[in-house]
C-alpha atoms as a PDB file:
ATOM      1  CA  MET A   1      87.320  55.473  58.376  1.00  0.00           C
ATOM      2  CA  ILE A   2      88.113  53.339  61.498  1.00  0.00           C
ATOM      3  CA  ARG A   3      85.090  54.814  63.349  1.00  0.00           C
ATOM      4  CA  THR A   4      82.760  53.925  60.550  1.00  0.00           C
ATOM      5  CA  PHE A   5      84.160  50.432  60.462  1.00  0.00           C
ATOM      6  CA  LEU A   6      83.627  49.984  64.220  1.00  0.00           C
ATOM      7  CA  ILE A   7      80.009  51.281  64.079  1.00  0.00           C
ATOM      8  CA  LYS A   8      79.230  48.847  61.210  1.00  0.00           C
ATOM      9  CA  ASN A   9      80.629  45.937  63.322  1.00  0.00           C
ATOM     10  CA  LEU A  10      78.612  46.970  66.270  1.00  0.00           C
ATOM     11  CA  LEU A  11      75.402  47.284  64.154  1.00  0.00           C
ATOM     12  CA  THR A  12      75.709  43.699  62.740  1.00  0.00           C
ATOM     13  CA  THR A  13      72.735  41.500  63.552  1.00  0.00           C
ATOM     14  CA  SER A  14      74.976  38.811  65.327  1.00  0.00           C
ATOM     15  CA  LYS A  15      74.160  38.146  69.001  1.00  0.00           C
ATOM     16  CA  LYS A  16      77.747  38.924  70.018  1.00  0.00           C
ATOM     17  CA  SER A  17      77.592  42.265  68.276  1.00  0.00           C
ATOM     18  CA  LYS A  18      74.426  43.205  69.968  1.00  0.00           C
ATOM     19  CA  LYS A  19      75.927  42.448  73.342  1.00  0.00           C
ATOM     20  CA  LYS A  20      78.874  44.633  72.553  1.00  0.00           C
ATOM     21  CA  LEU A  21      76.626  47.449  71.316  1.00  0.00           C
ATOM     22  CA  LYS A  22      74.513  47.127  74.578  1.00  0.00           C
ATOM     23  CA  PHE A  23      77.675  47.245  76.713  1.00  0.00           C
ATOM     24  CA  VAL A  24      79.083  50.294  74.878  1.00  0.00           C
ATOM     25  CA  ALA A  25      75.669  52.225  75.150  1.00  0.00           C
ATOM     26  CA  GLU A  26      75.398  51.392  78.877  1.00  0.00           C
ATOM     27  CA  PHE A  27      78.963  52.408  79.627  1.00  0.00           C
ATOM     28  CA  SER A  28      78.570  55.579  77.596  1.00  0.00           C
ATOM     29  CA  ILE A  29      75.356  56.427  79.602  1.00  0.00           C
ATOM     30  CA  PHE A  30      77.298  55.668  82.782  1.00  0.00           C
ATOM     31  CA  LEU A  31      80.131  58.111  81.777  1.00  0.00           C
ATOM     32  CA  ILE A  32      77.551  60.811  80.862  1.00  0.00           C
ATOM     33  CA  ILE A  33      75.630  60.473  84.177  1.00  0.00           C
ATOM     34  CA  ALA A  34      78.909  60.481  86.049  1.00  0.00           C
ATOM     35  CA  ALA A  35      80.064  63.642  84.187  1.00  0.00           C
ATOM     36  CA  LEU A  36      76.713  65.412  84.826  1.00  0.00           C
ATOM     37  CA  ILE A  37      76.777  64.679  88.501  1.00  0.00           C
ATOM     38  CA  SER A  38      80.404  65.659  88.833  1.00  0.00           C
ATOM     39  CA  SER A  39      79.544  68.939  86.955  1.00  0.00           C
ATOM     40  CA  ALA A  40      76.486  69.656  89.180  1.00  0.00           C
ATOM     41  CA  ILE A  41      78.555  69.156  92.382  1.00  0.00           C
ATOM     42  CA  SER A  42      81.451  71.193  91.022  1.00  0.00           C
ATOM     43  CA  ILE A  43      79.074  74.094  89.908  1.00  0.00           C
ATOM     44  CA  TYR A  44      77.331  74.141  93.411  1.00  0.00           C
ATOM     45  CA  PHE A  45      80.505  74.138  95.403  1.00  0.00           C
ATOM     46  CA  GLU A  46      82.244  76.618  93.025  1.00  0.00           C
ATOM     47  CA  SER A  47      79.369  79.108  93.596  1.00  0.00           C
ATOM     48  CA  ARG A  48      79.713  78.691  97.377  1.00  0.00           C
ATOM     49  CA  ILE A  49      83.478  79.151  97.169  1.00  0.00           C
ATOM     50  CA  SER A  50      83.065  82.169  94.921  1.00  0.00           C
ATOM     51  CA  LYS A  51      80.652  83.737  97.568  1.00  0.00           C
ATOM     52  CA  TYR A  52      83.262  83.139 100.245  1.00  0.00           C
ATOM     53  CA  THR A  53      85.947  84.693  98.065  1.00  0.00           C
ATOM     54  CA  ASN A  54      83.868  87.756  97.423  1.00  0.00           C
ATOM     55  CA  GLN A  55      83.297  88.110 101.182  1.00  0.00           C
ATOM     56  CA  LEU A  56      87.061  87.811 101.724  1.00  0.00           C
ATOM     57  CA  SER A  57      87.696  90.571  99.116  1.00  0.00           C
ATOM     58  CA  ALA A  58      85.260  92.801 100.820  1.00  0.00           C
ATOM     59  CA  LEU A  59      86.900  92.157 104.264  1.00  0.00           C
ATOM     60  CA  GLU A  60      90.374  92.850 102.830  1.00  0.00           C
ATOM     61  CA  PHE A  61      89.176  96.215 101.409  1.00  0.00           C
ATOM     62  CA  GLU A  62      87.830  97.209 104.814  1.00  0.00           C
ATOM     63  CA  GLU A  63      91.094  96.066 106.402  1.00  0.00           C
ATOM     64  CA  LEU A  64      93.048  98.443 104.241  1.00  0.00           C
ATOM     65  CA  LYS A  65      91.016 101.368 105.512  1.00  0.00           C
ATOM     66  CA  ILE A  66      91.342 100.071 109.122  1.00  0.00           C
ATOM     67  CA  GLN A  67      95.201  99.619 108.751  1.00  0.00           C
ATOM     68  CA  GLU A  68      95.398 103.194 107.368  1.00  0.00           C
ATOM     69  CA  TRP A  69      93.597 104.701 110.446  1.00  0.00           C
ATOM     70  CA  LEU A  70      95.529 102.452 112.832  1.00  0.00           C
ATOM     71  CA  ASN A  71      98.758 103.808 111.338  1.00  0.00           C
ATOM     72  CA  GLU A  72      97.487 107.394 111.025  1.00  0.00           C
ATOM     73  CA  SER A  73      96.020 107.574 114.618  1.00  0.00           C
ATOM     74  CA  ALA A  74      99.285 106.426 116.102  1.00  0.00           C
ATOM     75  CA  THR A  75     101.354 108.749 113.934  1.00  0.00           C
ATOM     76  CA  TYR A  76      99.188 111.900 114.656  1.00  0.00           C
ATOM     77  CA  ASN A  77      99.434 111.323 118.405  1.00  0.00           C
ATOM     78  CA  LEU A  78     103.092 110.650 118.295  1.00  0.00           C
ATOM     79  CA  GLU A  79     103.711 113.790 116.367  1.00  0.00           C
ATOM     80  CA  ASN A  80     101.530 115.751 118.774  1.00  0.00           C
ATOM     81  CA  ARG A  81     103.592 114.598 121.789  1.00  0.00           C
ATOM     82  CA  ASP A  82     106.799 115.343 119.915  1.00  0.00           C
ATOM     83  CA  ASN A  83     105.493 118.834 119.266  1.00  0.00           C
ATOM     84  CA  LYS A  84     104.623 119.369 122.972  1.00  0.00           C
ATOM     85  CA  PHE A  85     108.025 118.189 123.934  1.00  0.00           C
ATOM     86  CA  ILE A  86     109.700 120.514 121.417  1.00  0.00           C
ATOM     87  CA  TYR A  87     107.844 123.425 123.016  1.00  0.00           C
ATOM     88  CA  MET A  88     108.899 122.387 126.442  1.00  0.00           C
ATOM     89  CA  ILE A  89     112.651 122.416 125.654  1.00  0.00           C
ATOM     90  CA  THR A  90     112.598 125.524 123.579  1.00  0.00           C
ATOM     91  CA  SER A  91     109.993 127.802 125.310  1.00  0.00           C
ATOM     92  CA  ASP A  92     112.802 129.489 127.386  1.00  0.00           C
ATOM     93  CA  ASN A  93     114.749 130.409 124.242  1.00  0.00           C
ATOM     94  CA  GLU A  94     114.491 134.164 123.724  1.00  0.00           C
ATOM     95  CA  ILE A  95     114.895 133.760 119.876  1.00  0.00           C
ATOM     96  CA  ILE A  96     111.618 131.864 119.676  1.00  0.00           C
ATOM     97  CA  SER A  97     108.692 134.132 120.570  1.00  0.00           C
ATOM     98  CA  ILE A  98     105.456 132.248 120.692  1.00  0.00           C
ATOM     99  CA  SER A  99     103.096 132.077 123.607  1.00  0.00           C
ATOM    100  CA  LYS A 100     101.899 128.746 125.046  1.00  0.00           C
ATOM    101  CA  ALA A 101      98.346 129.272 124.149  1.00  0.00           C
ATOM    102  CA  ARG A 102      99.047 130.257 120.554  1.00  0.00           C
ATOM    103  CA  TYR A 103     101.451 127.251 120.108  1.00  0.00           C
ATOM    104  CA  TYR A 104      99.054 124.770 121.684  1.00  0.00           C
ATOM    105  CA  PHE A 105      96.105 126.134 119.514  1.00  0.00           C
ATOM    106  CA  HIS A 106      98.176 125.659 116.297  1.00  0.00           C
ATOM    107  CA  LEU A 107      98.645 122.079 117.356  1.00  0.00           C
ATOM    108  CA  LEU A 108      94.977 121.817 118.079  1.00  0.00           C
ATOM    109  CA  SER A 109      93.700 123.475 114.938  1.00  0.00           C
ATOM    110  CA  TRP A 110      94.009 120.464 112.601  1.00  0.00           C
ATOM    111  CA  TYR A 111      93.243 117.771 115.174  1.00  0.00           C
ATOM    112  CA  PRO A 112      89.369 117.823 115.268  1.00  0.00           C
ATOM    113  CA  VAL A 113      89.187 117.678 111.515  1.00  0.00           C
ATOM    114  CA  THR A 114      91.214 114.577 111.411  1.00  0.00           C
ATOM    115  CA  VAL A 115      89.437 112.966 114.211  1.00  0.00           C
ATOM    116  CA  ASP A 116      86.124 113.694 112.419  1.00  0.00           C
ATOM    117  CA  LEU A 117      87.306 111.989 109.290  1.00  0.00           C
ATOM    118  CA  ALA A 118      88.316 108.959 111.358  1.00  0.00           C
ATOM    119  CA  LEU A 119      84.891 108.916 113.123  1.00  0.00           C
ATOM    120  CA  GLN A 120      83.007 109.297 109.869  1.00  0.00           C
ATOM    121  CA  ASP A 121      84.888 106.197 108.464  1.00  0.00           C
ATOM    122  CA  ALA A 122      83.938 104.368 111.807  1.00  0.00           C
ATOM    123  CA  LEU A 123      80.293 104.885 110.895  1.00  0.00           C
ATOM    124  CA  VAL A 124      80.819 103.157 107.571  1.00  0.00           C
ATOM    125  CA  VAL A 125      83.535 100.545 108.547  1.00  0.00           C
ATOM    126  CA  GLY A 126      82.697  98.163 111.412  1.00  0.00           C
ATOM    127  CA  ASN A 127      79.425  96.985 113.057  1.00  0.00           C
ATOM    128  CA  ASP A 128      76.757  98.419 115.371  1.00  0.00           C
ATOM    129  CA  GLU A 129      77.889  96.409 118.333  1.00  0.00           C
ATOM    130  CA  LEU A 130      81.406  97.847 118.310  1.00  0.00           C
ATOM    131  CA  ARG A 131      80.085 101.419 117.584  1.00  0.00           C
ATOM    132  CA  LYS A 132      77.913 101.101 120.590  1.00  0.00           C
ATOM    133  CA  LYS A 133      80.831  99.707 122.811  1.00  0.00           C
ATOM    134  CA  HIS A 134      83.140 102.502 121.783  1.00  0.00           C
ATOM    135  CA  GLN A 135      80.391 105.216 121.864  1.00  0.00           C
ATOM    136  CA  ILE A 136      81.121 106.511 118.358  1.00  0.00           C
ATOM    137  CA  LYS A 137      78.157 108.831 118.212  1.00  0.00           C
ATOM    138  CA  LYS A 138      79.017 110.368 121.549  1.00  0.00           C
ATOM    139  CA  LYS A 139      82.652 110.841 120.315  1.00  0.00           C
ATOM    140  CA  ILE A 140      81.356 112.661 117.188  1.00  0.00           C
ATOM    141  CA  LYS A 141      79.322 115.073 119.462  1.00  0.00           C
ATOM    142  CA  ASP A 142      82.362 115.625 121.749  1.00  0.00           C
ATOM    143  CA  ASN A 143      84.577 116.241 118.628  1.00  0.00           C
ATOM    144  CA  ASN A 144      82.051 118.619 117.101  1.00  0.00           C
ATOM    145  CA  LEU A 145      82.267 120.877 120.172  1.00  0.00           C
ATOM    146  CA  ILE A 146      86.044 120.934 119.903  1.00  0.00           C
ATOM    147  CA  MET A 147      85.743 121.729 116.252  1.00  0.00           C
ATOM    148  CA  GLU A 148      83.294 124.565 116.936  1.00  0.00           C
ATOM    149  CA  TYR A 149      85.725 125.920 119.562  1.00  0.00           C
ATOM    150  CA  VAL A 150      88.556 125.834 116.962  1.00  0.00           C
ATOM    151  CA  ARG A 151      86.328 127.583 114.311  1.00  0.00           C
ATOM    152  CA  GLU A 152      85.352 130.403 116.613  1.00  0.00           C
ATOM    153  CA  ILE A 153      89.078 131.229 117.448  1.00  0.00           C
ATOM    154  CA  LEU A 154      89.943 131.038 113.642  1.00  0.00           C
ATOM    155  CA  LYS A 155      87.251 133.561 112.977  1.00  0.00           C
ATOM    156  CA  ASP A 156      88.514 135.898 115.627  1.00  0.00           C
ATOM    157  CA  ILE A 157      92.106 135.737 114.486  1.00  0.00           C
ATOM    158  CA  ASP A 158      91.306 135.503 110.825  1.00  0.00           C
ATOM    159  CA  ASP A 159      94.018 132.919 110.227  1.00  0.00           C
ATOM    160  CA  GLU A 160      93.537 132.107 106.498  1.00  0.00           C
ATOM    161  CA  ASP A 161      97.005 132.592 105.125  1.00  0.00           C
ATOM    162  CA  GLU A 162      99.751 130.097 105.541  1.00  0.00           C
ATOM    163  CA  PHE A 163     102.316 132.860 106.024  1.00  0.00           C
ATOM    164  CA  THR A 164     101.182 135.707 108.210  1.00  0.00           C
ATOM    165  CA  GLU A 165     102.822 139.199 108.381  1.00  0.00           C
ATOM    166  CA  LYS A 166     104.502 140.572 111.533  1.00  0.00           C
ATOM    167  CA  LYS A 167     101.477 142.643 112.450  1.00  0.00           C
ATOM    168  CA  ASP A 168      99.205 139.543 112.222  1.00  0.00           C
ATOM    169  CA  ILE A 169     101.708 137.567 114.394  1.00  0.00           C
ATOM    170  CA  LYS A 170     101.502 140.359 117.067  1.00  0.00           C
ATOM    171  CA  PHE A 171      97.736 140.412 116.853  1.00  0.00           C
ATOM    172  CA  GLN A 172      97.599 136.714 117.486  1.00  0.00           C
ATOM    173  CA  GLU A 173      99.969 136.937 120.356  1.00  0.00           C
ATOM    174  CA  ASP A 174      97.933 139.667 121.937  1.00  0.00           C
ATOM    175  CA  TYR A 175      94.754 137.622 121.274  1.00  0.00           C
ATOM    176  CA  PHE A 176      96.078 134.413 122.910  1.00  0.00           C
ATOM    177  CA  ALA A 177      97.548 136.348 125.787  1.00  0.00           C
ATOM    178  CA  LYS A 178      93.894 136.831 126.876  1.00  0.00           C
ATOM    179  CA  LYS A 179      93.184 133.187 126.339  1.00  0.00           C
ATOM    180  CA  ASN A 180      93.538 130.497 129.105  1.00  0.00           C
ATOM    181  CA  HIS A 181      96.247 128.304 127.706  1.00  0.00           C
ATOM    182  CA  LYS A 182      95.008 125.440 129.997  1.00  0.00           C
ATOM    183  CA  GLU A 183      91.605 125.358 128.234  1.00  0.00           C
ATOM    184  CA  ILE A 184      93.375 125.027 124.869  1.00  0.00           C
ATOM    185  CA  PHE A 185      95.778 122.428 126.315  1.00  0.00           C
ATOM    186  CA  ASN A 186      92.790 120.489 127.592  1.00  0.00           C
ATOM    187  CA  LYS A 187      91.077 120.544 124.265  1.00  0.00           C
ATOM    188  CA  LEU A 188      94.283 119.291 122.700  1.00  0.00           C
ATOM    189  CA  ASP A 189      94.371 116.543 125.248  1.00  0.00           C
ATOM    190  CA  GLN A 190      90.724 115.620 124.530  1.00  0.00           C
ATOM    191  CA  SER A 191      91.428 115.462 120.724  1.00  0.00           C
ATOM    192  CA  GLU A 192      94.467 113.126 121.401  1.00  0.00           C
ATOM    193  CA  GLU A 193      92.335 111.004 123.536  1.00  0.00           C
ATOM    194  CA  LEU A 194      89.653 110.745 120.984  1.00  0.00           C
ATOM    195  CA  MET A 195      92.137 109.825 118.269  1.00  0.00           C
ATOM    196  CA  MET A 196      93.557 107.153 120.573  1.00  0.00           C
ATOM    197  CA  GLN A 197      90.005 105.750 121.196  1.00  0.00           C
ATOM    198  CA  VAL A 198      89.181 105.812 117.503  1.00  0.00           C
ATOM    199  CA  GLY A 199      92.377 103.783 116.926  1.00  0.00           C
ATOM    200  CA  LEU A 200      91.192 101.298 119.582  1.00  0.00           C
ATOM    201  CA  TYR A 201      87.855 100.893 117.854  1.00  0.00           C
ATOM    202  CA  PHE A 202      89.557 100.092 114.561  1.00  0.00           C
ATOM    203  CA  GLN A 203      91.949  97.738 116.316  1.00  0.00           C
ATOM    204  CA  ASP A 204      88.855  95.899 117.747  1.00  0.00           C
ATOM    205  CA  TYR A 205      87.313  95.696 114.405  1.00  0.00           C
ATOM    206  CA  ASN A 206      90.503  94.548 112.819  1.00  0.00           C
ATOM    207  CA  ASN A 207      90.487  91.622 115.307  1.00  0.00           C
ATOM    208  CA  VAL A 208      86.800  90.873 114.142  1.00  0.00           C
ATOM    209  CA  ILE A 209      87.823  90.849 110.617  1.00  0.00           C
ATOM    210  CA  ASP A 210      90.843  88.577 111.259  1.00  0.00           C
ATOM    211  CA  GLY A 211      88.411  86.161 112.911  1.00  0.00           C
ATOM    212  CA  ASN A 212      85.905  86.235 110.000  1.00  0.00           C
ATOM    213  CA  LYS A 213      88.620  85.755 107.488  1.00  0.00           C
ATOM    214  CA  ILE A 214      89.934  82.625 109.268  1.00  0.00           C
ATOM    215  CA  LYS A 215      86.281  81.259 109.306  1.00  0.00           C
ATOM    216  CA  LEU A 216      85.908  81.944 105.531  1.00  0.00           C
ATOM    217  CA  TYR A 217      89.333  80.278 104.778  1.00  0.00           C
ATOM    218  CA  GLU A 218      88.199  77.290 106.754  1.00  0.00           C
ATOM    219  CA  LYS A 219      84.925  77.145 104.783  1.00  0.00           C
ATOM    220  CA  VAL A 220      86.719  77.394 101.497  1.00  0.00           C
ATOM    221  CA  LYS A 221      89.050  74.592 102.616  1.00  0.00           C
ATOM    222  CA  GLU A 222      86.096  72.390 103.850  1.00  0.00           C
ATOM    223  CA  ASP A 223      83.999  72.954 100.673  1.00  0.00           C
ATOM    224  CA  THR A 224      86.943  72.080  98.484  1.00  0.00           C
ATOM    225  CA  LYS A 225      87.615  68.800 100.261  1.00  0.00           C
ATOM    226  CA  LEU A 226      83.821  67.893 100.373  1.00  0.00           C
ATOM    227  CA  SER A 227      83.408  68.633  96.699  1.00  0.00           C
ATOM    228  CA  THR A 228      86.267  66.317  95.888  1.00  0.00           C
ATOM    229  CA  ARG A 229      84.839  63.655  98.107  1.00  0.00           C
ATOM    230  CA  LEU A 230      81.390  63.873  96.783  1.00  0.00           C
ATOM    231  CA  ILE A 231      82.512  63.697  93.143  1.00  0.00           C
ATOM    232  CA  LEU A 232      84.560  60.606  93.973  1.00  0.00           C
ATOM    233  CA  PHE A 233      81.687  59.116  95.960  1.00  0.00           C
ATOM    234  CA  ALA A 234      79.167  59.737  93.147  1.00  0.00           C
ATOM    235  CA  PHE A 235      81.566  58.182  90.572  1.00  0.00           C
ATOM    236  CA  LEU A 236      82.178  55.050  92.692  1.00  0.00           C
ATOM    237  CA  LEU A 237      78.466  54.763  93.379  1.00  0.00           C
ATOM    238  CA  GLN A 238      77.718  55.041  89.691  1.00  0.00           C
ATOM    239  CA  LEU A 239      80.414  52.450  88.895  1.00  0.00           C
ATOM    240  CA  PHE A 240      79.002  50.028  91.598  1.00  0.00           C
ATOM    241  CA  ILE A 241      75.506  50.280  90.085  1.00  0.00           C
ATOM    242  CA  PHE A 242      76.902  49.857  86.605  1.00  0.00           C
ATOM    243  CA  ILE A 243      78.806  46.686  87.634  1.00  0.00           C
ATOM    244  CA  ILE A 244      75.766  45.247  89.539  1.00  0.00           C
ATOM    245  CA  VAL A 245      73.575  45.830  86.359  1.00  0.00           C
ATOM    246  CA  GLN A 246      76.135  44.143  84.251  1.00  0.00           C
ATOM    247  CA  ILE A 247      76.343  41.145  86.652  1.00  0.00           C
ATOM    248  CA  PHE A 248      72.542  40.703  86.616  1.00  0.00           C
ATOM    249  CA  GLU A 249      72.445  40.925  82.822  1.00  0.00           C
ATOM    250  CA  LEU A 250      75.136  38.236  82.474  1.00  0.00           C
ATOM    251  CA  ARG A 251      73.175  35.932  84.814  1.00  0.00           C
ATOM    252  CA  GLU A 252      70.128  36.410  82.653  1.00  0.00           C
ATOM    253  CA  LEU A 253      71.996  35.565  79.547  1.00  0.00           C
ATOM    254  CA  LYS A 254      73.335  32.381  81.148  1.00  0.00           C
END
């Protein structure tokens, strides 16, 4: 009812009413244009910020895998050293009957497979520059040789059961008595070294990710500030133009 009354007043043929109608129309156009410009600026910067956010999410997902391998590589190597130390302090015990070669082989048997998993992830996670720096392809070849060495021994001893019988244990002891325990120990050291180097690769890439994340956070921050400033600047510019137009119209009327 009130709206209808106001519209009727504005549409009256008096000169004063026409001025009011003209002012309301121009002010409405000013608000519409300001809103459109603000929306366009917001949409543009929101799309940019959304792109940065997606990149951050992808980096954080990669970081989870990196952190997992950083933890795993350190844990595996620590466990390996603990196991070596356990054998060193218990090897003279007559109750425990296991040769050095057999003991070291059982430590070695699971190592190459784990190293291979880490190296395969290194082919997916990271960049070519770091892969070249850390010689990932060469490490894969070196690890494959160790893995093949382990497979050949496992075939010979037919070690498929988790729990072996007494005769199997004796067979394994006799088998490893003919093996050079130093060779097995060297392979174990090589695997430990490979695991440590893979950890260093992931550490380097983790540093790269941290740097990239900081850059993306800065871009989000800068774009948010720039978007606010541009919207304010566009509004003030439109307001300035509107005021200038009104001043010129008032002068013409005088």
